[in-house]
Amino acid sequence: MRVGAAHRLRRCAGRWRRDGHQPHRWLVARKWDYTDRRRPGRPHTAHAIRKPVIRIATDNPAWGHRRVQGELVKLGHPIAASTVWQVLHDAGISPAPRRTGPTWKQFLTAQARSILAADFVHVDTALLRRIYALIIIEHGARRAYLAGITRTPRRRMDHASSP
């Protein structure tokens, strides 16, 4: 018997059961247990992947991690966007750079003159009749225009300026 096996038998001497199988089960379980060989956490990203991620990100500073990931997939490197984010973050590169363009509020304010909205509404009259109207709203001037009125929405609309 080898020294390691004898040592294991002595360690499990207090674990004997009457049928004699318990120490064998314990020894087999210990033999195939690789906890001492496992490292905790995810394996590191290969250097062959880290290098192009960092190069593409530094060559194109306005690109975010999702755009870099898309370009890598096109080049034949199947990599997740979260992995690209982690690689860029570890390298000290901002994974999602701030855009120099306007914010959403600034964009809408600048485009308000050209934005029109349409709404098809119904109004109940004093005589309990329903009238349907098409209203156009001009956001830049903050005006509403009555485009047409009808009693039934399936018929042709009467123009608002006609009597």
Foldseek 3Di string as FASTA:
>chain_A
DDPVVVVLCVVCVVVADPVRCVSVVVVVVVVPDCPVVDDPDDDDDDPVVLVQLVVVCVVPVQDALVVSQVVVVVVPDNDDSVNSCVSCVVVVRHRHDDDPDDDPVVVCLVCQQVDKDKDWDWDQDPVRQIKIWIWIARRNVRDIDTQFIDRDPVDDTDGPPDD
